[in-house]
Amino acid sequence: MTAVIEDGGVMTKERTTLSLRRCILLIFIISLFISAACYGALIFTNWVSSATKTTAHMDADINEEIYNRIDSFMQVPYHVNEVNHKVIENGMLNLSDEKQRDRFFVGVLESHSNSIYSFSYGTANGEYYGARRNENGVVEIMRNNVETGGNSWYYSVNEDLTAGDRVVQAGKFDPRTRAWYKAAVEAKGPVYSPVYKHFVMDDLTVSAAWPVYNESGNLDGVLGTHMLLSDIGSFLKNAVEEHNGIAIIIEKESNYLL
């Protein structure tokens, strides 16, 4: 063993070499750790950025899908009126013919999903005709004219789509006072009504309304296709349920949360 004398002490070359090796090893390990940490941080940052972009794209796609489903759902009442208002406007439906009238309204309602609560027509002189689905989803004929004394009466439907027994006798009803009728008269064209309380059902309602004019340009009445808010709510719930989402409805004009 070779030794050197320094300041009265003895230090071996071997111990000096071991200390130097330890320092180099420690520096290497620290450098390796720092490099790994930086590389890991870079990978994590890129992963977070990529995940955020992917989530944003998924969010946009899901929102668009849900919006399109809801938009299509809410356009159904509009299209019902669009297709059928000409039937009345062009005189193809004789409102004084009870059987023809009842078959028309029942047929239109039954050809659409349960999301449509009722399909009706209110005349400029206050008469009201149509068909609705009751609390059990059974279709009934609605009638309000001189024969009913201005009251709203509902009838069961026979197999030939004509009126059967009277099943509900509601109170006085004038379609001209209802929100959907007024909205169409004011707009002078197809329009969605503001939300309003239903006359018979314990529910809120929104209606697609379409004014009908005669050849002289005078108002004959208003055609209405009506949806209950509870049915709209059920559709929204089903539309977002698979995505663990929540859907809300805000009325555009009033900003009311419905």
C-alpha atoms as a PDB file:
ATOM      1  CA  MET A   1       0.000   0.000   0.000  1.00  0.00           C
ATOM      2  CA  THR A   2       1.370   3.385  -0.987  1.00  0.00           C
ATOM      3  CA  ALA A   3       0.663   6.349   1.197  1.00  0.00           C
ATOM      4  CA  VAL A   4       1.313  10.066   1.033  1.00  0.00           C
ATOM      5  CA  ILE A   5       1.799  12.441   3.897  1.00  0.00           C
ATOM      6  CA  GLU A   6      -0.325  15.576   3.770  1.00  0.00           C
ATOM      7  CA  ASP A   7      -0.723  18.073   6.624  1.00  0.00           C
ATOM      8  CA  GLY A   8       0.234  15.447   9.119  1.00  0.00           C
ATOM      9  CA  GLY A   9      -2.453  12.994   7.902  1.00  0.00           C
ATOM     10  CA  VAL A  10      -2.387   9.841   5.809  1.00  0.00           C
ATOM     11  CA  MET A  11      -4.644   9.466   2.739  1.00  0.00           C
ATOM     12  CA  THR A  12      -4.444   6.431   0.560  1.00  0.00           C
ATOM     13  CA  LYS A  13      -4.759   6.548  -3.187  1.00  0.00           C
ATOM     14  CA  GLU A  14      -7.381   3.812  -2.921  1.00  0.00           C
ATOM     15  CA  ARG A  15      -9.686   5.841  -0.684  1.00  0.00           C
ATOM     16  CA  THR A  16      -9.249   8.884  -2.926  1.00  0.00           C
ATOM     17  CA  THR A  17     -10.215   6.796  -5.956  1.00  0.00           C
ATOM     18  CA  LEU A  18     -13.325   5.406  -4.203  1.00  0.00           C
ATOM     19  CA  SER A  19     -14.501   8.860  -3.204  1.00  0.00           C
ATOM     20  CA  LEU A  20     -14.097  10.123  -6.755  1.00  0.00           C
ATOM     21  CA  ARG A  21     -16.024   7.147  -8.134  1.00  0.00           C
ATOM     22  CA  ARG A  22     -18.844   7.788  -5.675  1.00  0.00           C
ATOM     23  CA  CYS A  23     -19.057  11.422  -6.717  1.00  0.00           C
ATOM     24  CA  ILE A  24     -19.150  10.524 -10.392  1.00  0.00           C
ATOM     25  CA  LEU A  25     -21.802   7.836  -9.722  1.00  0.00           C
ATOM     26  CA  LEU A  26     -23.878  10.265  -7.657  1.00  0.00           C
ATOM     27  CA  ILE A  27     -23.687  12.927 -10.366  1.00  0.00           C
ATOM     28  CA  PHE A  28     -24.696  10.338 -12.969  1.00  0.00           C
ATOM     29  CA  ILE A  29     -27.666   9.147 -10.926  1.00  0.00           C
ATOM     30  CA  ILE A  30     -28.834  12.721 -10.275  1.00  0.00           C
ATOM     31  CA  SER A  31     -28.464  13.570 -13.967  1.00  0.00           C
ATOM     32  CA  LEU A  32     -30.338  10.436 -14.949  1.00  0.00           C
ATOM     33  CA  PHE A  33     -33.112  11.236 -12.469  1.00  0.00           C
ATOM     34  CA  ILE A  34     -33.410  14.831 -13.723  1.00  0.00           C
ATOM     35  CA  SER A  35     -33.480  13.640 -17.347  1.00  0.00           C
ATOM     36  CA  ALA A  36     -36.141  11.039 -16.570  1.00  0.00           C
ATOM     37  CA  ALA A  37     -38.195  13.577 -14.638  1.00  0.00           C
ATOM     38  CA  CYS A  38     -38.009  16.121 -17.481  1.00  0.00           C
ATOM     39  CA  TYR A  39     -38.848  13.467 -20.052  1.00  0.00           C
ATOM     40  CA  GLY A  40     -41.745  12.216 -17.916  1.00  0.00           C
ATOM     41  CA  ALA A  41     -43.033  15.744 -17.404  1.00  0.00           C
ATOM     42  CA  LEU A  42     -42.878  16.344 -21.155  1.00  0.00           C
ATOM     43  CA  ILE A  43     -44.754  13.124 -21.875  1.00  0.00           C
ATOM     44  CA  PHE A  44     -47.358  13.908 -19.191  1.00  0.00           C
ATOM     45  CA  THR A  45     -47.849  17.467 -20.504  1.00  0.00           C
ATOM     46  CA  ASN A  46     -48.338  16.193 -24.046  1.00  0.00           C
ATOM     47  CA  TRP A  47     -50.718  13.498 -22.793  1.00  0.00           C
ATOM     48  CA  VAL A  48     -52.792  16.036 -20.860  1.00  0.00           C
ATOM     49  CA  SER A  49     -52.900  18.333 -23.879  1.00  0.00           C
ATOM     50  CA  SER A  50     -53.907  15.468 -26.160  1.00  0.00           C
ATOM     51  CA  ALA A  51     -56.516  14.211 -23.684  1.00  0.00           C
ATOM     52  CA  THR A  52     -57.952  17.728 -23.340  1.00  0.00           C
ATOM     53  CA  LYS A  53     -58.252  18.114 -27.117  1.00  0.00           C
ATOM     54  CA  THR A  54     -59.791  14.648 -27.464  1.00  0.00           C
ATOM     55  CA  THR A  55     -62.277  15.369 -24.690  1.00  0.00           C
ATOM     56  CA  ALA A  56     -63.168  18.726 -26.274  1.00  0.00           C
ATOM     57  CA  HIS A  57     -63.811  17.031 -29.630  1.00  0.00           C
ATOM     58  CA  MET A  58     -65.906  14.322 -27.965  1.00  0.00           C
ATOM     59  CA  ASP A  59     -67.817  16.971 -26.035  1.00  0.00           C
ATOM     60  CA  ALA A  60     -68.536  18.940 -29.209  1.00  0.00           C
ATOM     61  CA  ASP A  61     -69.640  15.809 -31.083  1.00  0.00           C
ATOM     62  CA  ILE A  62     -71.923  14.680 -28.254  1.00  0.00           C
ATOM     63  CA  ASN A  63     -73.430  18.147 -27.876  1.00  0.00           C
ATOM     64  CA  GLU A  64     -74.094  18.340 -31.605  1.00  0.00           C
ATOM     65  CA  GLU A  65     -75.662  14.881 -31.599  1.00  0.00           C
ATOM     66  CA  ILE A  66     -77.943  15.751 -28.677  1.00  0.00           C
ATOM     67  CA  TYR A  67     -78.817  19.145 -30.172  1.00  0.00           C
ATOM     68  CA  ASN A  68     -79.763  17.562 -33.502  1.00  0.00           C
ATOM     69  CA  ARG A  69     -81.944  14.968 -31.755  1.00  0.00           C
ATOM     70  CA  ILE A  70     -83.702  17.636 -29.702  1.00  0.00           C
ATOM     71  CA  ASP A  71     -84.066  19.921 -32.714  1.00  0.00           C
ATOM     72  CA  SER A  72     -85.630  17.120 -34.756  1.00  0.00           C
ATOM     73  CA  PHE A  73     -87.911  16.273 -31.835  1.00  0.00           C
ATOM     74  CA  MET A  74     -89.084  19.872 -31.446  1.00  0.00           C
ATOM     75  CA  GLN A  75     -89.644  20.289 -35.195  1.00  0.00           C
ATOM     76  CA  VAL A  76     -92.296  17.565 -35.277  1.00  0.00           C
ATOM     77  CA  PRO A  77     -95.205  19.840 -34.161  1.00  0.00           C
ATOM     78  CA  TYR A  78     -94.145  22.445 -36.724  1.00  0.00           C
ATOM     79  CA  HIS A  79     -94.158  19.884 -39.534  1.00  0.00           C
ATOM     80  CA  VAL A  80     -97.549  18.524 -38.429  1.00  0.00           C
ATOM     81  CA  ASN A  81     -99.012  21.998 -38.887  1.00  0.00           C
ATOM     82  CA  GLU A  82     -97.070  22.611 -42.073  1.00  0.00           C
ATOM     83  CA  VAL A  83     -98.512  19.508 -43.717  1.00  0.00           C
ATOM     84  CA  ASN A  84    -102.080  19.875 -42.454  1.00  0.00           C
ATOM     85  CA  HIS A  85    -102.900  23.592 -42.453  1.00  0.00           C
ATOM     86  CA  LYS A  86    -103.516  23.508 -46.205  1.00  0.00           C
ATOM     87  CA  VAL A  87    -106.214  20.876 -45.671  1.00  0.00           C
ATOM     88  CA  ILE A  88    -108.259  23.441 -43.776  1.00  0.00           C
ATOM     89  CA  GLU A  89    -107.098  26.482 -45.705  1.00  0.00           C
ATOM     90  CA  ASN A  90    -108.074  24.971 -49.068  1.00  0.00           C
ATOM     91  CA  GLY A  91    -111.455  23.761 -47.832  1.00  0.00           C
ATOM     92  CA  MET A  92    -110.602  20.054 -48.086  1.00  0.00           C
ATOM     93  CA  LEU A  93    -111.935  19.530 -44.562  1.00  0.00           C
ATOM     94  CA  ASN A  94    -115.587  20.300 -43.928  1.00  0.00           C
ATOM     95  CA  LEU A  95    -115.678  21.308 -40.261  1.00  0.00           C
ATOM     96  CA  SER A  96    -119.468  20.982 -40.193  1.00  0.00           C
ATOM     97  CA  ASP A  97    -119.172  17.294 -41.152  1.00  0.00           C
ATOM     98  CA  GLU A  98    -118.744  15.716 -37.733  1.00  0.00           C
ATOM     99  CA  LYS A  99    -117.483  12.317 -38.893  1.00  0.00           C
ATOM    100  CA  GLN A 100    -115.033  13.708 -41.440  1.00  0.00           C
ATOM    101  CA  ARG A 101    -113.753  16.232 -38.917  1.00  0.00           C
ATOM    102  CA  ASP A 102    -113.229  13.685 -36.126  1.00  0.00           C
ATOM    103  CA  ARG A 103    -111.500  11.191 -38.424  1.00  0.00           C
ATOM    104  CA  PHE A 104    -109.129  13.893 -39.648  1.00  0.00           C
ATOM    105  CA  PHE A 105    -107.924  14.982 -36.216  1.00  0.00           C
ATOM    106  CA  VAL A 106    -107.751  11.460 -34.770  1.00  0.00           C
ATOM    107  CA  GLY A 107    -105.927  10.181 -37.852  1.00  0.00           C
ATOM    108  CA  VAL A 108    -103.283  12.903 -37.706  1.00  0.00           C
ATOM    109  CA  LEU A 109    -102.706  12.412 -33.978  1.00  0.00           C
ATOM    110  CA  GLU A 110    -102.462   8.630 -34.180  1.00  0.00           C
ATOM    111  CA  SER A 111     -99.942   8.871 -37.021  1.00  0.00           C
ATOM    112  CA  HIS A 112     -97.452  10.584 -34.716  1.00  0.00           C
ATOM    113  CA  SER A 113     -95.627   9.550 -31.569  1.00  0.00           C
ATOM    114  CA  ASN A 114     -96.886   9.992 -28.031  1.00  0.00           C
ATOM    115  CA  SER A 115     -94.738  13.107 -27.711  1.00  0.00           C
ATOM    116  CA  ILE A 116     -97.618  14.968 -29.394  1.00  0.00           C
ATOM    117  CA  TYR A 117    -100.249  15.509 -26.726  1.00  0.00           C
ATOM    118  CA  SER A 118    -102.965  16.976 -28.952  1.00  0.00           C
ATOM    119  CA  PHE A 119    -103.727  18.312 -32.421  1.00  0.00           C
ATOM    120  CA  SER A 120    -106.486  20.900 -32.701  1.00  0.00           C
ATOM    121  CA  TYR A 121    -108.060  23.803 -34.528  1.00  0.00           C
ATOM    122  CA  GLY A 122    -109.585  26.885 -32.948  1.00  0.00           C
ATOM    123  CA  THR A 123    -111.849  28.949 -35.168  1.00  0.00           C
ATOM    124  CA  ALA A 124    -112.176  32.720 -35.303  1.00  0.00           C
ATOM    125  CA  ASN A 125    -115.691  32.457 -33.814  1.00  0.00           C
ATOM    126  CA  GLY A 126    -114.483  30.454 -30.793  1.00  0.00           C
ATOM    127  CA  GLU A 127    -115.209  26.864 -31.828  1.00  0.00           C
ATOM    128  CA  TYR A 128    -112.609  24.247 -31.020  1.00  0.00           C
ATOM    129  CA  TYR A 129    -112.054  20.793 -32.535  1.00  0.00           C
ATOM    130  CA  GLY A 130    -109.313  18.206 -32.291  1.00  0.00           C
ATOM    131  CA  ALA A 131    -107.964  15.063 -30.678  1.00  0.00           C
ATOM    132  CA  ARG A 132    -105.801  14.499 -27.614  1.00  0.00           C
ATOM    133  CA  ARG A 133    -104.131  11.752 -25.564  1.00  0.00           C
ATOM    134  CA  ASN A 134    -105.447  11.425 -22.039  1.00  0.00           C
ATOM    135  CA  GLU A 135    -103.420  10.581 -18.922  1.00  0.00           C
ATOM    136  CA  ASN A 136    -103.294   6.925 -19.995  1.00  0.00           C
ATOM    137  CA  GLY A 137    -102.229   7.685 -23.573  1.00  0.00           C
ATOM    138  CA  VAL A 138    -105.688   6.862 -24.974  1.00  0.00           C
ATOM    139  CA  VAL A 139    -106.819   9.095 -27.848  1.00  0.00           C
ATOM    140  CA  GLU A 140    -109.979  11.130 -27.323  1.00  0.00           C
ATOM    141  CA  ILE A 141    -111.913  13.544 -29.533  1.00  0.00           C
ATOM    142  CA  MET A 142    -112.182  17.170 -28.389  1.00  0.00           C
ATOM    143  CA  ARG A 143    -115.158  19.339 -29.186  1.00  0.00           C
ATOM    144  CA  ASN A 144    -116.277  22.835 -28.223  1.00  0.00           C
ATOM    145  CA  ASN A 145    -119.102  24.566 -30.085  1.00  0.00           C
ATOM    146  CA  VAL A 146    -122.716  25.641 -29.730  1.00  0.00           C
ATOM    147  CA  GLU A 147    -123.789  22.062 -29.037  1.00  0.00           C
ATOM    148  CA  THR A 148    -121.483  21.877 -26.004  1.00  0.00           C
ATOM    149  CA  GLY A 149    -122.592  25.287 -24.756  1.00  0.00           C
ATOM    150  CA  GLY A 150    -119.094  26.688 -25.120  1.00  0.00           C
ATOM    151  CA  ASN A 151    -117.677  23.974 -22.873  1.00  0.00           C
ATOM    152  CA  SER A 152    -114.830  21.657 -23.785  1.00  0.00           C
ATOM    153  CA  TRP A 153    -116.060  18.053 -24.068  1.00  0.00           C
ATOM    154  CA  TYR A 154    -113.974  14.960 -24.755  1.00  0.00           C
ATOM    155  CA  TYR A 155    -115.269  11.756 -26.359  1.00  0.00           C
ATOM    156  CA  SER A 156    -113.968   8.226 -26.696  1.00  0.00           C
ATOM    157  CA  VAL A 157    -112.993   7.070 -30.192  1.00  0.00           C
ATOM    158  CA  ASN A 158    -114.859   4.325 -32.054  1.00  0.00           C
ATOM    159  CA  GLU A 159    -113.147   1.837 -34.336  1.00  0.00           C
ATOM    160  CA  ASP A 160    -114.083   3.960 -37.365  1.00  0.00           C
ATOM    161  CA  LEU A 161    -112.371   6.995 -35.715  1.00  0.00           C
ATOM    162  CA  THR A 162    -115.671   8.739 -34.961  1.00  0.00           C
ATOM    163  CA  ALA A 163    -116.825  10.047 -31.571  1.00  0.00           C
ATOM    164  CA  GLY A 164    -118.213   7.575 -29.054  1.00  0.00           C
ATOM    165  CA  ASP A 165    -119.293   8.273 -25.484  1.00  0.00           C
ATOM    166  CA  ARG A 166    -118.574  11.546 -23.771  1.00  0.00           C
ATOM    167  CA  VAL A 167    -115.866  10.811 -21.191  1.00  0.00           C
ATOM    168  CA  VAL A 168    -114.856  14.279 -19.943  1.00  0.00           C
ATOM    169  CA  GLN A 169    -116.912  17.407 -19.548  1.00  0.00           C
ATOM    170  CA  ALA A 170    -114.572  20.323 -18.852  1.00  0.00           C
ATOM    171  CA  GLY A 171    -115.497  23.937 -18.265  1.00  0.00           C
ATOM    172  CA  LYS A 172    -115.845  26.941 -20.529  1.00  0.00           C
ATOM    173  CA  PHE A 173    -113.140  27.164 -23.124  1.00  0.00           C
ATOM    174  CA  ASP A 174    -112.360  29.790 -25.746  1.00  0.00           C
ATOM    175  CA  PRO A 175    -109.325  28.967 -27.924  1.00  0.00           C
ATOM    176  CA  ARG A 176    -108.950  32.644 -28.841  1.00  0.00           C
ATOM    177  CA  THR A 177    -107.817  33.401 -25.295  1.00  0.00           C
ATOM    178  CA  ARG A 178    -105.061  30.801 -25.278  1.00  0.00           C
ATOM    179  CA  ALA A 179    -101.357  31.654 -25.607  1.00  0.00           C
ATOM    180  CA  TRP A 180    -100.814  29.571 -28.740  1.00  0.00           C
ATOM    181  CA  TYR A 181    -103.769  31.153 -30.579  1.00  0.00           C
ATOM    182  CA  LYS A 182    -102.692  34.684 -29.651  1.00  0.00           C
ATOM    183  CA  ALA A 183     -99.080  33.992 -30.650  1.00  0.00           C
ATOM    184  CA  ALA A 184    -100.117  32.875 -34.147  1.00  0.00           C
ATOM    185  CA  VAL A 185    -102.442  35.852 -34.636  1.00  0.00           C
ATOM    186  CA  GLU A 186     -99.692  38.244 -33.580  1.00  0.00           C
ATOM    187  CA  ALA A 187     -96.997  36.576 -35.694  1.00  0.00           C
ATOM    188  CA  LYS A 188     -99.341  36.202 -38.721  1.00  0.00           C
ATOM    189  CA  GLY A 189     -97.463  33.028 -39.505  1.00  0.00           C
ATOM    190  CA  PRO A 190     -96.184  29.771 -37.991  1.00  0.00           C
ATOM    191  CA  VAL A 191     -94.806  30.224 -34.498  1.00  0.00           C
ATOM    192  CA  TYR A 192     -94.054  28.443 -31.247  1.00  0.00           C
ATOM    193  CA  SER A 193     -96.051  29.686 -28.301  1.00  0.00           C
ATOM    194  CA  PRO A 194     -94.594  30.749 -24.964  1.00  0.00           C
ATOM    195  CA  VAL A 195     -94.958  28.148 -22.227  1.00  0.00           C
ATOM    196  CA  TYR A 196     -98.405  28.183 -20.610  1.00  0.00           C
ATOM    197  CA  LYS A 197    -100.518  26.201 -18.146  1.00  0.00           C
ATOM    198  CA  HIS A 198    -102.657  23.540 -19.791  1.00  0.00           C
ATOM    199  CA  PHE A 199    -106.430  23.867 -19.578  1.00  0.00           C
ATOM    200  CA  VAL A 200    -107.123  20.310 -18.358  1.00  0.00           C
ATOM    201  CA  MET A 201    -103.811  18.565 -17.676  1.00  0.00           C
ATOM    202  CA  ASP A 202    -101.782  19.433 -14.588  1.00  0.00           C
ATOM    203  CA  ASP A 203     -98.808  20.340 -16.716  1.00  0.00           C
ATOM    204  CA  LEU A 204     -97.164  23.120 -18.679  1.00  0.00           C
ATOM    205  CA  THR A 205     -97.480  23.159 -22.441  1.00  0.00           C
ATOM    206  CA  VAL A 206     -95.723  24.527 -25.503  1.00  0.00           C
ATOM    207  CA  SER A 207     -97.472  24.603 -28.861  1.00  0.00           C
ATOM    208  CA  ALA A 208     -96.645  25.011 -32.508  1.00  0.00           C
ATOM    209  CA  ALA A 209     -99.356  27.264 -33.964  1.00  0.00           C
ATOM    210  CA  TRP A 210    -100.219  28.098 -37.567  1.00  0.00           C
ATOM    211  CA  PRO A 211    -102.826  30.733 -38.574  1.00  0.00           C
ATOM    212  CA  VAL A 212    -105.273  29.822 -41.323  1.00  0.00           C
ATOM    213  CA  TYR A 213    -106.590  32.576 -43.613  1.00  0.00           C
ATOM    214  CA  ASN A 214    -109.377  32.554 -46.185  1.00  0.00           C
ATOM    215  CA  GLU A 215    -109.160  33.799 -49.757  1.00  0.00           C
ATOM    216  CA  SER A 216    -109.950  37.343 -48.615  1.00  0.00           C
ATOM    217  CA  GLY A 217    -107.001  37.288 -46.245  1.00  0.00           C
ATOM    218  CA  ASN A 218    -109.170  37.186 -43.140  1.00  0.00           C
ATOM    219  CA  LEU A 219    -108.318  34.880 -40.249  1.00  0.00           C
ATOM    220  CA  ASP A 220    -110.395  31.692 -40.181  1.00  0.00           C
ATOM    221  CA  GLY A 221    -108.668  30.152 -37.175  1.00  0.00           C
ATOM    222  CA  VAL A 222    -105.441  28.716 -35.795  1.00  0.00           C
ATOM    223  CA  LEU A 223    -104.122  25.189 -36.075  1.00  0.00           C
ATOM    224  CA  GLY A 224    -102.221  23.955 -33.034  1.00  0.00           C
ATOM    225  CA  THR A 225    -100.015  20.973 -32.257  1.00  0.00           C
ATOM    226  CA  HIS A 226     -99.353  20.758 -28.547  1.00  0.00           C
ATOM    227  CA  MET A 227     -96.639  19.133 -26.408  1.00  0.00           C
ATOM    228  CA  LEU A 228     -96.568  18.730 -22.626  1.00  0.00           C
ATOM    229  CA  LEU A 229     -93.396  19.856 -20.913  1.00  0.00           C
ATOM    230  CA  SER A 230     -93.242  16.599 -18.949  1.00  0.00           C
ATOM    231  CA  ASP A 231     -93.022  14.675 -22.247  1.00  0.00           C
ATOM    232  CA  ILE A 232     -90.287  16.997 -23.505  1.00  0.00           C
ATOM    233  CA  GLY A 233     -88.463  16.486 -20.206  1.00  0.00           C
ATOM    234  CA  SER A 234     -88.632  12.703 -20.587  1.00  0.00           C
ATOM    235  CA  PHE A 235     -87.164  12.946 -24.079  1.00  0.00           C
ATOM    236  CA  LEU A 236     -84.320  15.181 -22.877  1.00  0.00           C
ATOM    237  CA  LYS A 237     -83.529  12.796 -20.026  1.00  0.00           C
ATOM    238  CA  ASN A 238     -83.314   9.845 -22.399  1.00  0.00           C
ATOM    239  CA  ALA A 239     -81.228  11.857 -24.873  1.00  0.00           C
ATOM    240  CA  VAL A 240     -78.443  12.624 -22.380  1.00  0.00           C
ATOM    241  CA  GLU A 241     -78.709   9.653 -20.024  1.00  0.00           C
ATOM    242  CA  GLU A 242     -76.208   7.510 -21.917  1.00  0.00           C
ATOM    243  CA  HIS A 243     -73.645  10.324 -21.621  1.00  0.00           C
ATOM    244  CA  ASN A 244     -74.287  10.944 -17.900  1.00  0.00           C
ATOM    245  CA  GLY A 245     -75.407  14.429 -18.846  1.00  0.00           C
ATOM    246  CA  ILE A 246     -78.028  16.886 -17.688  1.00  0.00           C
ATOM    247  CA  ALA A 247     -80.305  18.776 -20.089  1.00  0.00           C
ATOM    248  CA  ILE A 248     -82.080  22.007 -19.199  1.00  0.00           C
ATOM    249  CA  ILE A 249     -84.614  24.146 -21.050  1.00  0.00           C
ATOM    250  CA  ILE A 250     -84.411  27.934 -21.053  1.00  0.00           C
ATOM    251  CA  GLU A 251     -87.153  29.979 -22.677  1.00  0.00           C
ATOM    252  CA  LYS A 252     -85.432  32.285 -25.140  1.00  0.00           C
ATOM    253  CA  GLU A 253     -87.598  35.377 -24.732  1.00  0.00           C
ATOM    254  CA  SER A 254     -87.924  35.408 -20.950  1.00  0.00           C
ATOM    255  CA  ASN A 255     -84.719  33.508 -20.034  1.00  0.00           C
ATOM    256  CA  TYR A 256     -86.840  31.482 -17.614  1.00  0.00           C
ATOM    257  CA  LEU A 257     -85.387  28.156 -16.538  1.00  0.00           C
ATOM    258  CA  LEU A 258     -88.125  25.634 -17.257  1.00  0.00           C
END
